Amino acid sequence: MAVAIRDDYRRRARRLRAIYSNDPLRLHRALRQLASTQTQSLIKTPDKTVAQQFADCVRDSMDGPILRYSMRRQLLREADARRIGRFEANLIIAAVQHQADRIVIRPISRRSKSAWVCFTVLQTAIVLLAWLAIT
């Protein structure tokens, strides 16, 4: 089923590239829409549990909204072990990243607060000494 989805995506993408070859903006929008619909159809396939488990692994591997390259490579190897094609794995990763695209605000830790206090005090002392040297 996933192979059929991949082949269908390729066929439709080629068609869109032929239709919008002179209009890159419309081509980009059409390809983005196609990728979104294909991702949804991939997740809704009978292999939903495998795709969903892989999506959960991707979500757990992300550092906020960021997926590091080393983790991406490791996830692609894991997808291969789960018999998920590279194309489908990249679609799932992209879908999870798109969902996590919202800004994640983390509270400032106590350690970074003390670093900011030290920085502010040091900068104030430097400005004060410079002002005293001038006057």
Protein backbone atom coordinates (compact mmCIF):
# COMPACT_ATOMS: atom_id res chain seq x y z
CA MET A 1 0.00 0.00 0.00
CA ALA A 2 2.79 2.45 0.89
CA VAL A 3 4.54 1.69 -2.42
CA ALA A 4 1.35 2.60 -4.27
CA ILE A 5 1.15 5.88 -2.36
CA ARG A 6 4.76 6.66 -3.22
CA ASP A 7 4.27 5.89 -6.90
CA ASP A 8 1.07 7.94 -6.98
CA TYR A 9 2.92 10.87 -5.40
CA ARG A 10 5.71 10.70 -7.96
CA ARG A 11 3.26 10.55 -10.84
CA ARG A 12 1.27 13.53 -9.56
CA ALA A 13 4.42 15.54 -8.78
CA ARG A 14 5.71 15.01 -12.32
CA ARG A 15 2.37 16.16 -13.69
CA LEU A 16 2.44 19.30 -11.52
CA ARG A 17 6.01 20.08 -12.58
CA ALA A 18 4.93 19.87 -16.22
CA ILE A 19 1.86 22.05 -15.68
CA TYR A 20 3.55 24.76 -13.58
CA SER A 21 7.02 24.69 -15.13
CA ASN A 22 6.91 28.45 -15.79
CA ASP A 23 5.36 29.47 -12.47
CA PRO A 24 7.58 28.45 -9.52
CA LEU A 25 5.29 29.96 -6.88
CA ARG A 26 2.23 28.00 -8.01
CA LEU A 27 4.40 24.90 -8.43
CA HIS A 28 5.64 25.19 -4.85
CA ARG A 29 2.11 25.64 -3.51
CA ALA A 30 0.77 22.72 -5.53
CA LEU A 31 3.64 20.42 -4.45
CA ARG A 32 3.19 21.44 -0.82
CA GLN A 33 -0.53 20.66 -1.03
CA LEU A 34 0.21 17.33 -2.71
CA ALA A 35 2.73 16.39 -0.03
CA SER A 36 0.23 17.26 2.68
CA THR A 37 -2.51 15.11 1.18
CA GLN A 38 -0.11 12.23 0.55
CA THR A 39 1.11 12.39 4.15
CA GLN A 40 -2.46 12.20 5.40
CA SER A 41 -3.21 9.25 3.13
CA LEU A 42 -0.03 7.53 4.32
CA ILE A 43 -1.04 7.89 7.95
CA LYS A 44 -4.53 6.57 7.16
CA THR A 45 -3.26 3.38 5.50
CA PRO A 46 -3.73 -0.04 7.13
CA ASP A 47 -0.12 0.23 8.35
CA LYS A 48 -1.25 3.07 10.61
CA THR A 49 0.21 1.50 13.70
CA VAL A 50 3.69 1.29 12.18
CA ALA A 51 3.49 4.83 10.81
CA GLN A 52 2.07 6.15 14.07
CA GLN A 53 4.75 4.42 16.13
CA PHE A 54 7.42 5.89 13.88
CA ALA A 55 5.80 9.34 14.18
CA ASP A 56 5.90 8.96 17.96
CA CYS A 57 9.61 8.09 17.77
CA VAL A 58 10.21 11.20 15.65
CA ARG A 59 8.29 13.36 18.13
CA ASP A 60 10.30 11.93 21.03
CA SER A 61 13.59 12.54 19.20
CA MET A 62 12.93 16.22 18.58
CA ASP A 63 14.57 18.91 20.66
CA GLY A 64 11.66 21.34 20.84
CA PRO A 65 10.79 22.16 17.22
CA ILE A 66 14.23 21.03 16.02
CA LEU A 67 15.25 17.61 14.75
CA ARG A 68 19.02 17.33 14.67
CA TYR A 69 20.62 15.85 11.56
CA SER A 70 22.24 12.99 13.48
CA MET A 71 18.84 12.06 14.93
CA ARG A 72 17.26 12.28 11.48
CA ARG A 73 19.81 9.82 10.12
CA GLN A 74 19.19 7.49 13.04
CA LEU A 75 15.43 7.73 12.50
CA LEU A 76 15.82 6.89 8.82
CA ARG A 77 17.80 3.79 9.78
CA GLU A 78 15.10 2.86 12.27
CA ALA A 79 12.42 3.37 9.61
CA ASP A 80 14.34 1.06 7.31
CA ALA A 81 14.41 -1.56 10.07
CA ARG A 82 10.64 -1.18 10.44
CA ARG A 83 10.30 -1.67 6.68
CA ILE A 84 9.13 1.89 6.09
CA GLY A 85 10.49 3.26 2.84
CA ARG A 86 12.84 6.24 2.91
CA PHE A 87 10.33 8.41 1.10
CA GLU A 88 7.52 7.55 3.51
CA ALA A 89 9.82 8.07 6.50
CA ASN A 90 10.75 11.53 5.24
CA LEU A 91 7.06 12.34 4.78
CA ILE A 92 6.30 11.27 8.33
CA ILE A 93 9.25 13.27 9.68
CA ALA A 94 8.12 16.34 7.73
CA ALA A 95 4.55 15.97 9.02
CA VAL A 96 5.71 15.73 12.63
CA GLN A 97 8.03 18.72 12.19
CA HIS A 98 5.18 20.70 10.66
CA GLN A 99 2.99 19.92 13.67
CA ALA A 100 5.80 20.93 16.04
CA ASP A 101 6.45 24.15 14.15
CA ARG A 102 4.79 26.16 16.89
CA ILE A 103 7.14 28.16 19.09
CA VAL A 104 8.09 26.33 22.24
CA ILE A 105 8.80 28.66 25.15
CA ARG A 106 10.87 27.07 27.87
CA PRO A 107 11.21 28.61 31.30
CA ILE A 108 14.60 30.10 32.08
CA SER A 109 16.52 27.83 34.40
CA ARG A 110 17.97 29.03 37.68
CA ARG A 111 21.49 28.57 36.30
CA SER A 112 20.88 30.82 33.30
CA LYS A 113 19.25 33.44 35.56
CA SER A 114 22.41 33.64 37.66
CA ALA A 115 24.50 33.91 34.49
CA TRP A 116 22.39 36.86 33.34
CA VAL A 117 22.76 38.53 36.73
CA CYS A 118 26.56 38.13 36.61
CA PHE A 119 26.65 39.44 33.06
CA THR A 120 24.55 42.49 33.97
CA VAL A 121 26.62 43.29 37.05
CA LEU A 122 29.89 42.95 35.11
CA GLN A 123 28.67 45.16 32.27
CA THR A 124 27.43 47.78 34.73
CA ALA A 125 30.83 47.78 36.48
CA ILE A 126 32.64 48.22 33.15
CA VAL A 127 30.39 51.15 32.16
CA LEU A 128 30.82 52.73 35.61
CA LEU A 129 34.63 52.43 35.49
CA ALA A 130 34.71 53.86 31.95
CA TRP A 131 32.55 56.79 33.07
CA LEU A 132 34.82 57.42 36.08
CA ALA A 133 37.91 57.31 33.86
CA ILE A 134 36.45 59.89 31.49
CA THR A 135 35.42 62.35 34.22
